C-alpha atoms as a PDB file:
ATOM      1  CA  MET A   1      56.447 -83.586 -35.203  1.00  0.00           C
ATOM      2  CA  ALA A   2      54.239 -86.354 -33.794  1.00  0.00           C
ATOM      3  CA  SER A   3      50.687 -86.705 -35.065  1.00  0.00           C
ATOM      4  CA  MET A   4      47.537 -88.611 -34.208  1.00  0.00           C
ATOM      5  CA  ARG A   5      43.775 -88.255 -34.546  1.00  0.00           C
ATOM      6  CA  ASN A   6      41.583 -87.060 -31.706  1.00  0.00           C
ATOM      7  CA  ARG A   7      38.252 -88.413 -30.536  1.00  0.00           C
ATOM      8  CA  HIS A   8      36.474 -86.462 -33.293  1.00  0.00           C
ATOM      9  CA  GLY A   9      38.625 -88.119 -35.946  1.00  0.00           C
ATOM     10  CA  ALA A  10      40.527 -84.897 -36.595  1.00  0.00           C
ATOM     11  CA  ASN A  11      44.283 -84.668 -37.039  1.00  0.00           C
ATOM     12  CA  MET A  12      46.276 -83.485 -34.054  1.00  0.00           C
ATOM     13  CA  SER A  13      49.986 -82.739 -34.050  1.00  0.00           C
ATOM     14  CA  SER A  14      52.471 -81.952 -31.318  1.00  0.00           C
ATOM     15  CA  ASP A  15      54.623 -78.969 -32.240  1.00  0.00           C
ATOM     16  CA  ARG A  16      57.284 -77.674 -29.862  1.00  0.00           C
ATOM     17  CA  ASP A  17      60.339 -75.611 -30.683  1.00  0.00           C
ATOM     18  CA  ALA A  18      63.796 -77.072 -31.278  1.00  0.00           C
ATOM     19  CA  SER A  19      64.613 -76.926 -27.573  1.00  0.00           C
ATOM     20  CA  GLY A  20      61.529 -78.938 -26.705  1.00  0.00           C
ATOM     21  CA  SER A  21      59.819 -75.934 -25.103  1.00  0.00           C
ATOM     22  CA  PRO A  22      56.138 -75.210 -25.805  1.00  0.00           C
ATOM     23  CA  ILE A  23      55.451 -72.685 -28.560  1.00  0.00           C
ATOM     24  CA  GLY A  24      53.823 -70.312 -26.095  1.00  0.00           C
ATOM     25  CA  THR A  25      51.613 -69.821 -23.074  1.00  0.00           C
ATOM     26  CA  PHE A  26      47.943 -69.629 -24.032  1.00  0.00           C
ATOM     27  CA  VAL A  27      45.016 -67.704 -22.588  1.00  0.00           C
ATOM     28  CA  LEU A  28      41.807 -69.152 -24.029  1.00  0.00           C
ATOM     29  CA  SER A  29      38.265 -67.867 -23.521  1.00  0.00           C
ATOM     30  CA  GLY A  30      35.037 -69.708 -24.257  1.00  0.00           C
ATOM     31  CA  LEU A  31      36.590 -73.141 -23.808  1.00  0.00           C
ATOM     32  CA  THR A  32      33.689 -75.274 -22.566  1.00  0.00           C
ATOM     33  CA  SER A  33      32.043 -76.176 -25.890  1.00  0.00           C
ATOM     34  CA  GLY A  34      32.349 -75.984 -29.651  1.00  0.00           C
ATOM     35  CA  LEU A  35      35.543 -74.558 -31.119  1.00  0.00           C
ATOM     36  CA  GLY A  36      36.911 -73.476 -27.733  1.00  0.00           C
ATOM     37  CA  ARG A  37      36.798 -76.992 -26.330  1.00  0.00           C
ATOM     38  CA  ALA A  38      38.402 -78.363 -29.490  1.00  0.00           C
ATOM     39  CA  VAL A  39      41.223 -75.809 -29.203  1.00  0.00           C
ATOM     40  CA  LEU A  40      41.715 -76.736 -25.540  1.00  0.00           C
ATOM     41  CA  GLU A  41      41.994 -80.412 -26.477  1.00  0.00           C
ATOM     42  CA  GLN A  42      44.641 -79.599 -29.090  1.00  0.00           C
ATOM     43  CA  LEU A  43      46.638 -77.419 -26.670  1.00  0.00           C
ATOM     44  CA  VAL A  44      46.545 -80.132 -23.995  1.00  0.00           C
ATOM     45  CA  PHE A  45      47.771 -82.667 -26.538  1.00  0.00           C
ATOM     46  CA  GLU A  46      50.608 -80.337 -27.504  1.00  0.00           C
ATOM     47  CA  THR A  47      51.464 -79.886 -23.791  1.00  0.00           C
ATOM     48  CA  CYS A  48      51.174 -76.100 -23.945  1.00  0.00           C
ATOM     49  CA  PRO A  49      50.533 -74.179 -20.712  1.00  0.00           C
ATOM     50  CA  VAL A  50      46.950 -72.913 -20.778  1.00  0.00           C
ATOM     51  CA  ILE A  51      44.950 -70.414 -18.745  1.00  0.00           C
ATOM     52  CA  GLY A  52      41.300 -71.157 -19.499  1.00  0.00           C
ATOM     53  CA  LEU A  53      38.691 -68.450 -18.923  1.00  0.00           C
ATOM     54  CA  GLY A  54      34.986 -69.219 -18.745  1.00  0.00           C
ATOM     55  CA  ARG A  55      31.914 -70.408 -16.874  1.00  0.00           C
ATOM     56  CA  ASP A  56      30.697 -73.954 -16.123  1.00  0.00           C
ATOM     57  CA  LEU A  57      34.317 -75.075 -16.079  1.00  0.00           C
ATOM     58  CA  SER A  58      33.364 -78.538 -14.808  1.00  0.00           C
ATOM     59  CA  ARG A  59      32.456 -79.291 -18.438  1.00  0.00           C
ATOM     60  CA  VAL A  60      36.151 -79.508 -19.348  1.00  0.00           C
ATOM     61  CA  HIS A  61      37.495 -81.270 -16.282  1.00  0.00           C
ATOM     62  CA  ASP A  62      37.901 -84.461 -18.330  1.00  0.00           C
ATOM     63  CA  VAL A  63      40.170 -82.610 -20.768  1.00  0.00           C
ATOM     64  CA  VAL A  64      42.155 -80.887 -18.026  1.00  0.00           C
ATOM     65  CA  SER A  65      42.629 -84.116 -16.077  1.00  0.00           C
ATOM     66  CA  SER A  66      44.558 -85.598 -19.006  1.00  0.00           C
ATOM     67  CA  ALA A  67      46.968 -82.642 -19.242  1.00  0.00           C
ATOM     68  CA  THR A  68      50.683 -83.152 -18.577  1.00  0.00           C
ATOM     69  CA  SER A  69      51.433 -79.423 -18.740  1.00  0.00           C
ATOM     70  CA  PRO A  70      50.024 -76.638 -16.521  1.00  0.00           C
ATOM     71  CA  VAL A  71      46.354 -75.875 -17.167  1.00  0.00           C
ATOM     72  CA  LYS A  72      44.727 -73.287 -14.916  1.00  0.00           C
ATOM     73  CA  LEU A  73      40.996 -72.572 -15.068  1.00  0.00           C
ATOM     74  CA  VAL A  74      39.691 -69.126 -14.125  1.00  0.00           C
ATOM     75  CA  ASP A  75      35.983 -68.666 -13.471  1.00  0.00           C
ATOM     76  CA  ILE A  76      34.911 -65.490 -15.246  1.00  0.00           C
ATOM     77  CA  ASP A  77      31.566 -64.265 -16.535  1.00  0.00           C
ATOM     78  CA  LEU A  78      32.136 -61.856 -19.426  1.00  0.00           C
ATOM     79  CA  GLU A  79      28.671 -60.463 -18.811  1.00  0.00           C
ATOM     80  CA  ASN A  80      29.877 -58.899 -15.555  1.00  0.00           C
ATOM     81  CA  ASP A  81      30.471 -55.178 -15.233  1.00  0.00           C
ATOM     82  CA  SER A  82      33.813 -53.760 -16.336  1.00  0.00           C
ATOM     83  CA  GLU A  83      35.263 -53.469 -12.822  1.00  0.00           C
ATOM     84  CA  ALA A  84      34.563 -57.124 -12.059  1.00  0.00           C
ATOM     85  CA  VAL A  85      36.118 -58.286 -15.332  1.00  0.00           C
ATOM     86  CA  THR A  86      39.161 -56.093 -14.739  1.00  0.00           C
ATOM     87  CA  THR A  87      39.617 -57.564 -11.257  1.00  0.00           C
ATOM     88  CA  VAL A  88      39.524 -61.106 -12.608  1.00  0.00           C
ATOM     89  CA  ALA A  89      41.848 -60.203 -15.500  1.00  0.00           C
ATOM     90  CA  ASP A  90      44.398 -58.755 -13.088  1.00  0.00           C
ATOM     91  CA  SER A  91      44.311 -61.971 -11.080  1.00  0.00           C
ATOM     92  CA  ILE A  92      45.039 -64.237 -14.049  1.00  0.00           C
ATOM     93  CA  PRO A  93      47.888 -66.528 -12.953  1.00  0.00           C
ATOM     94  CA  ASP A  94      51.225 -65.283 -14.288  1.00  0.00           C
ATOM     95  CA  THR A  95      53.005 -68.215 -15.948  1.00  0.00           C
ATOM     96  CA  LEU A  96      55.262 -66.150 -18.189  1.00  0.00           C
ATOM     97  CA  GLU A  97      58.347 -66.524 -16.018  1.00  0.00           C
ATOM     98  CA  ALA A  98      58.059 -70.304 -15.993  1.00  0.00           C
ATOM     99  CA  GLU A  99      58.106 -70.461 -19.786  1.00  0.00           C
ATOM    100  CA  GLY A 100      61.168 -68.302 -20.364  1.00  0.00           C
ATOM    101  CA  ALA A 101      60.900 -66.079 -23.422  1.00  0.00           C
ATOM    102  CA  THR A 102      57.941 -67.818 -25.042  1.00  0.00           C
ATOM    103  CA  PRO A 103      55.196 -65.435 -26.156  1.00  0.00           C
ATOM    104  CA  LEU A 104      51.772 -65.116 -24.622  1.00  0.00           C
ATOM    105  CA  VAL A 105      48.898 -66.021 -26.946  1.00  0.00           C
ATOM    106  CA  PHE A 106      45.387 -64.805 -26.196  1.00  0.00           C
ATOM    107  CA  ILE A 107      42.764 -66.718 -28.183  1.00  0.00           C
ATOM    108  CA  SER A 108      39.596 -64.664 -27.812  1.00  0.00           C
ATOM    109  CA  ASN A 109      36.913 -67.186 -28.661  1.00  0.00           C
ATOM    110  CA  ALA A 110      33.982 -66.489 -26.317  1.00  0.00           C
ATOM    111  CA  SER A 111      30.976 -64.817 -27.943  1.00  0.00           C
ATOM    112  CA  ILE A 112      27.191 -65.003 -28.198  1.00  0.00           C
ATOM    113  CA  ILE A 113      24.895 -64.670 -31.213  1.00  0.00           C
ATOM    114  CA  GLU A 114      21.906 -63.488 -29.178  1.00  0.00           C
ATOM    115  CA  PRO A 115      19.797 -61.441 -29.491  1.00  0.00           C
ATOM    116  CA  ILE A 116      18.539 -62.301 -32.974  1.00  0.00           C
ATOM    117  CA  ALA A 117      15.687 -59.970 -33.926  1.00  0.00           C
ATOM    118  CA  LYS A 118      14.846 -56.969 -36.051  1.00  0.00           C
ATOM    119  CA  SER A 119      16.761 -53.910 -34.894  1.00  0.00           C
ATOM    120  CA  LEU A 120      13.674 -52.016 -33.767  1.00  0.00           C
ATOM    121  CA  ASP A 121      12.556 -54.976 -31.647  1.00  0.00           C
ATOM    122  CA  LEU A 122      15.801 -55.342 -29.715  1.00  0.00           C
ATOM    123  CA  ASP A 123      15.785 -54.951 -25.963  1.00  0.00           C
ATOM    124  CA  THR A 124      18.331 -52.530 -24.530  1.00  0.00           C
ATOM    125  CA  GLU A 125      19.541 -55.012 -21.933  1.00  0.00           C
ATOM    126  CA  ASP A 126      20.085 -57.682 -24.589  1.00  0.00           C
ATOM    127  CA  LEU A 127      22.111 -55.211 -26.650  1.00  0.00           C
ATOM    128  CA  ASN A 128      24.173 -54.359 -23.590  1.00  0.00           C
ATOM    129  CA  ARG A 129      24.826 -58.048 -22.869  1.00  0.00           C
ATOM    130  CA  SER A 130      25.986 -58.670 -26.432  1.00  0.00           C
ATOM    131  CA  MET A 131      28.396 -55.736 -26.351  1.00  0.00           C
ATOM    132  CA  ARG A 132      29.825 -56.804 -22.984  1.00  0.00           C
ATOM    133  CA  ILE A 133      30.442 -60.437 -23.927  1.00  0.00           C
ATOM    134  CA  ASN A 134      31.523 -59.928 -27.544  1.00  0.00           C
ATOM    135  CA  CYS A 135      33.455 -56.669 -27.266  1.00  0.00           C
ATOM    136  CA  LEU A 136      33.936 -54.835 -23.974  1.00  0.00           C
ATOM    137  CA  SER A 137      35.011 -57.701 -21.683  1.00  0.00           C
ATOM    138  CA  PRO A 138      37.423 -59.357 -24.140  1.00  0.00           C
ATOM    139  CA  LEU A 139      38.855 -55.911 -24.870  1.00  0.00           C
ATOM    140  CA  ILE A 140      39.485 -55.394 -21.152  1.00  0.00           C
ATOM    141  CA  LEU A 141      41.272 -58.752 -21.106  1.00  0.00           C
ATOM    142  CA  ALA A 142      43.337 -57.792 -24.145  1.00  0.00           C
ATOM    143  CA  ASN A 143      44.329 -54.453 -22.594  1.00  0.00           C
ATOM    144  CA  VAL A 144      45.331 -56.082 -19.298  1.00  0.00           C
ATOM    145  CA  LEU A 145      47.417 -58.734 -21.077  1.00  0.00           C
ATOM    146  CA  THR A 146      49.047 -56.011 -23.174  1.00  0.00           C
ATOM    147  CA  ARG A 147      50.142 -54.206 -20.007  1.00  0.00           C
ATOM    148  CA  LYS A 148      51.385 -57.450 -18.403  1.00  0.00           C
ATOM    149  CA  THR A 149      53.464 -58.471 -21.400  1.00  0.00           C
ATOM    150  CA  LEU A 150      54.841 -54.957 -21.899  1.00  0.00           C
ATOM    151  CA  ALA A 151      56.059 -54.927 -18.302  1.00  0.00           C
ATOM    152  CA  LYS A 152      57.853 -58.254 -18.820  1.00  0.00           C
ATOM    153  CA  GLY A 153      59.224 -57.526 -22.260  1.00  0.00           C
ATOM    154  CA  ARG A 154      57.259 -60.357 -23.858  1.00  0.00           C
ATOM    155  CA  THR A 155      55.453 -60.667 -27.156  1.00  0.00           C
ATOM    156  CA  LEU A 156      51.653 -60.878 -27.165  1.00  0.00           C
ATOM    157  CA  LEU A 157      49.779 -62.511 -30.020  1.00  0.00           C
ATOM    158  CA  ILE A 158      46.011 -62.006 -29.964  1.00  0.00           C
ATOM    159  CA  LEU A 159      44.001 -64.316 -32.174  1.00  0.00           C
ATOM    160  CA  ASN A 160      40.474 -63.004 -32.498  1.00  0.00           C
ATOM    161  CA  VAL A 161      37.966 -65.670 -33.519  1.00  0.00           C
ATOM    162  CA  SER A 162      36.080 -63.357 -35.807  1.00  0.00           C
ATOM    163  CA  SER A 163      33.140 -63.787 -38.181  1.00  0.00           C
ATOM    164  CA  GLY A 164      31.901 -62.691 -41.555  1.00  0.00           C
ATOM    165  CA  ALA A 165      29.349 -60.772 -39.496  1.00  0.00           C
ATOM    166  CA  ALA A 166      32.131 -58.330 -38.582  1.00  0.00           C
ATOM    167  CA  GLU A 167      32.439 -57.429 -42.256  1.00  0.00           C
ATOM    168  CA  ARG A 168      28.879 -57.454 -43.615  1.00  0.00           C
ATOM    169  CA  ALA A 169      25.339 -56.709 -42.443  1.00  0.00           C
ATOM    170  CA  ILE A 170      23.056 -59.671 -41.743  1.00  0.00           C
ATOM    171  CA  SER A 171      19.396 -58.920 -41.078  1.00  0.00           C
ATOM    172  CA  GLY A 172      18.454 -59.848 -37.518  1.00  0.00           C
ATOM    173  CA  TRP A 173      22.059 -59.731 -36.327  1.00  0.00           C
ATOM    174  CA  GLN A 174      22.493 -56.061 -35.428  1.00  0.00           C
ATOM    175  CA  ALA A 175      23.906 -56.893 -32.001  1.00  0.00           C
ATOM    176  CA  TYR A 176      26.285 -59.595 -33.228  1.00  0.00           C
ATOM    177  CA  CYS A 177      27.516 -57.720 -36.319  1.00  0.00           C
ATOM    178  CA  THR A 178      28.081 -54.532 -34.346  1.00  0.00           C
ATOM    179  CA  SER A 179      29.880 -56.122 -31.396  1.00  0.00           C
ATOM    180  CA  LYS A 180      32.137 -58.297 -33.568  1.00  0.00           C
ATOM    181  CA  ALA A 181      33.056 -55.377 -35.838  1.00  0.00           C
ATOM    182  CA  ALA A 182      33.745 -53.107 -32.862  1.00  0.00           C
ATOM    183  CA  PHE A 183      36.038 -55.651 -31.195  1.00  0.00           C
ATOM    184  CA  LYS A 184      37.944 -56.196 -34.439  1.00  0.00           C
ATOM    185  CA  MET A 185      38.655 -52.472 -34.802  1.00  0.00           C
ATOM    186  CA  ALA A 186      39.529 -52.082 -31.112  1.00  0.00           C
ATOM    187  CA  LEU A 187      42.175 -54.798 -31.396  1.00  0.00           C
ATOM    188  CA  ASP A 188      43.615 -53.208 -34.523  1.00  0.00           C
ATOM    189  CA  VAL A 189      44.025 -49.952 -32.598  1.00  0.00           C
ATOM    190  CA  LEU A 190      45.672 -51.822 -29.713  1.00  0.00           C
ATOM    191  CA  ALA A 191      48.196 -53.384 -32.086  1.00  0.00           C
ATOM    192  CA  ALA A 192      48.860 -50.045 -33.796  1.00  0.00           C
ATOM    193  CA  GLU A 193      49.728 -48.512 -30.430  1.00  0.00           C
ATOM    194  CA  ASN A 194      51.886 -51.357 -29.068  1.00  0.00           C
ATOM    195  CA  SER A 195      54.790 -52.758 -31.065  1.00  0.00           C
ATOM    196  CA  HIS A 196      54.976 -55.948 -28.984  1.00  0.00           C
ATOM    197  CA  VAL A 197      51.377 -56.875 -29.858  1.00  0.00           C
ATOM    198  CA  LYS A 198      50.317 -58.698 -33.004  1.00  0.00           C
ATOM    199  CA  VAL A 199      46.647 -59.236 -33.839  1.00  0.00           C
ATOM    200  CA  VAL A 200      45.283 -61.928 -36.147  1.00  0.00           C
ATOM    201  CA  HIS A 201      41.619 -62.096 -37.110  1.00  0.00           C
ATOM    202  CA  PHE A 202      40.569 -65.687 -37.817  1.00  0.00           C
ATOM    203  CA  ASP A 203      37.190 -66.430 -39.418  1.00  0.00           C
ATOM    204  CA  PRO A 204      36.391 -70.122 -38.762  1.00  0.00           C
ATOM    205  CA  GLY A 205      33.428 -70.214 -41.140  1.00  0.00           C
ATOM    206  CA  VAL A 206      30.285 -72.190 -40.338  1.00  0.00           C
ATOM    207  CA  MET A 207      30.852 -75.052 -37.896  1.00  0.00           C
ATOM    208  CA  ASP A 208      28.743 -77.788 -36.373  1.00  0.00           C
ATOM    209  CA  THR A 209      28.267 -76.079 -33.005  1.00  0.00           C
ATOM    210  CA  PRO A 210      25.421 -75.154 -30.607  1.00  0.00           C
ATOM    211  CA  MET A 211      25.542 -71.598 -32.009  1.00  0.00           C
ATOM    212  CA  GLN A 212      24.680 -72.859 -35.489  1.00  0.00           C
ATOM    213  CA  GLN A 213      21.836 -74.931 -34.060  1.00  0.00           C
ATOM    214  CA  HIS A 214      20.464 -71.815 -32.377  1.00  0.00           C
ATOM    215  CA  ILE A 215      20.671 -69.915 -35.671  1.00  0.00           C
ATOM    216  CA  ARG A 216      18.765 -72.662 -37.505  1.00  0.00           C
ATOM    217  CA  ASP A 217      16.014 -72.511 -34.891  1.00  0.00           C
ATOM    218  CA  GLN A 218      15.166 -68.879 -35.722  1.00  0.00           C
ATOM    219  CA  THR A 219      12.058 -67.724 -37.562  1.00  0.00           C
ATOM    220  CA  THR A 220      12.249 -65.999 -40.936  1.00  0.00           C
ATOM    221  CA  GLU A 221      10.586 -62.989 -39.311  1.00  0.00           C
ATOM    222  CA  ASN A 222      13.523 -62.510 -36.953  1.00  0.00           C
ATOM    223  CA  MET A 223      16.171 -63.670 -39.425  1.00  0.00           C
ATOM    224  CA  PRO A 224      15.234 -63.575 -43.126  1.00  0.00           C
ATOM    225  CA  GLN A 225      18.367 -65.541 -44.167  1.00  0.00           C
ATOM    226  CA  VAL A 226      17.724 -68.487 -41.860  1.00  0.00           C
ATOM    227  CA  ALA A 227      17.074 -70.852 -44.790  1.00  0.00           C
ATOM    228  CA  THR A 228      20.638 -70.319 -45.967  1.00  0.00           C
ATOM    229  CA  PHE A 229      22.017 -71.419 -42.615  1.00  0.00           C
ATOM    230  CA  ARG A 230      19.726 -74.431 -42.539  1.00  0.00           C
ATOM    231  CA  SER A 231      21.063 -75.443 -45.936  1.00  0.00           C
ATOM    232  CA  TYR A 232      24.611 -75.475 -44.558  1.00  0.00           C
ATOM    233  CA  GLN A 233      23.600 -78.437 -42.401  1.00  0.00           C
ATOM    234  CA  SER A 234      21.413 -80.228 -44.948  1.00  0.00           C
ATOM    235  CA  ASP A 235      24.103 -79.867 -47.629  1.00  0.00           C
ATOM    236  CA  GLY A 236      26.865 -81.109 -45.306  1.00  0.00           C
ATOM    237  CA  GLN A 237      28.770 -77.808 -45.327  1.00  0.00           C
ATOM    238  CA  LEU A 238      29.272 -77.476 -41.556  1.00  0.00           C
ATOM    239  CA  LYS A 239      32.893 -77.807 -40.497  1.00  0.00           C
ATOM    240  CA  ASN A 240      34.112 -80.104 -37.732  1.00  0.00           C
ATOM    241  CA  PRO A 241      35.271 -77.883 -34.801  1.00  0.00           C
ATOM    242  CA  ALA A 242      38.260 -80.156 -34.213  1.00  0.00           C
ATOM    243  CA  GLU A 243      39.488 -79.654 -37.769  1.00  0.00           C
ATOM    244  CA  VAL A 244      39.027 -75.891 -37.420  1.00  0.00           C
ATOM    245  CA  ALA A 245      40.952 -75.951 -34.125  1.00  0.00           C
ATOM    246  CA  PHE A 246      43.853 -77.652 -35.907  1.00  0.00           C
ATOM    247  CA  GLN A 247      43.750 -74.947 -38.603  1.00  0.00           C
ATOM    248  CA  LEU A 248      43.527 -72.166 -35.999  1.00  0.00           C
ATOM    249  CA  LEU A 249      46.612 -73.351 -34.165  1.00  0.00           C
ATOM    250  CA  SER A 250      48.482 -73.717 -37.445  1.00  0.00           C
ATOM    251  CA  VAL A 251      47.759 -70.026 -38.021  1.00  0.00           C
ATOM    252  CA  VAL A 252      49.032 -69.204 -34.522  1.00  0.00           C
ATOM    253  CA  LYS A 253      52.259 -71.124 -35.128  1.00  0.00           C
ATOM    254  CA  SER A 254      52.858 -69.382 -38.435  1.00  0.00           C
ATOM    255  CA  HIS A 255      52.730 -66.006 -36.660  1.00  0.00           C
ATOM    256  CA  LEU A 256      55.049 -67.137 -33.868  1.00  0.00           C
ATOM    257  CA  LYS A 257      57.882 -68.076 -36.213  1.00  0.00           C
END
């Protein structure tokens, strides 16, 4: 195993199987910033084939340009209606044949924290947007990938970038807590119904990302616990996304053995 440190100062390691083949083919959502970008950088370093799903994909062209393995970017807006997301999901490039019997790994990372407000003040459209991006659209993707891998006799590992908000109520986060909890349960049902699918829920904790900055910018009226999240930064408790990406992929590898 070769190792080095990336531009964030975080450890990176190249891990391929004994034959020199990549550990899997990866579908990654939400790859243009924060943890998603850090995961993309690690996958490119490890020369794993990647299908990246997201918007504003020009933001990662510098990462993709350094890749020596196939990296395909698919423009998809998870806020779109179900039919549009399904159409894009069905058109995801099929690289399974090229990688022999390696599994497909779907890292569902894309999500939004908005809207943050008291439940009775929430706008219906904002609630709908949260459910589409955090639950419905990634679930459509997961279902499509389950059908594709079943047809080809391949294993599918779904790593859900989850949150403590999927497990406990946080005032002001009705939309986020609900959508994250719903997606977690939906994936568990999918795995229960399909023997070739394994689901792993990965809670990255609090990281130094734009989402955390947005949380710190809230008022106590909208989010009574905002002082706690501000203290994470002032007390130096925010994790480096690159270090979390390294940990995330270590979890993936442990489930592919």
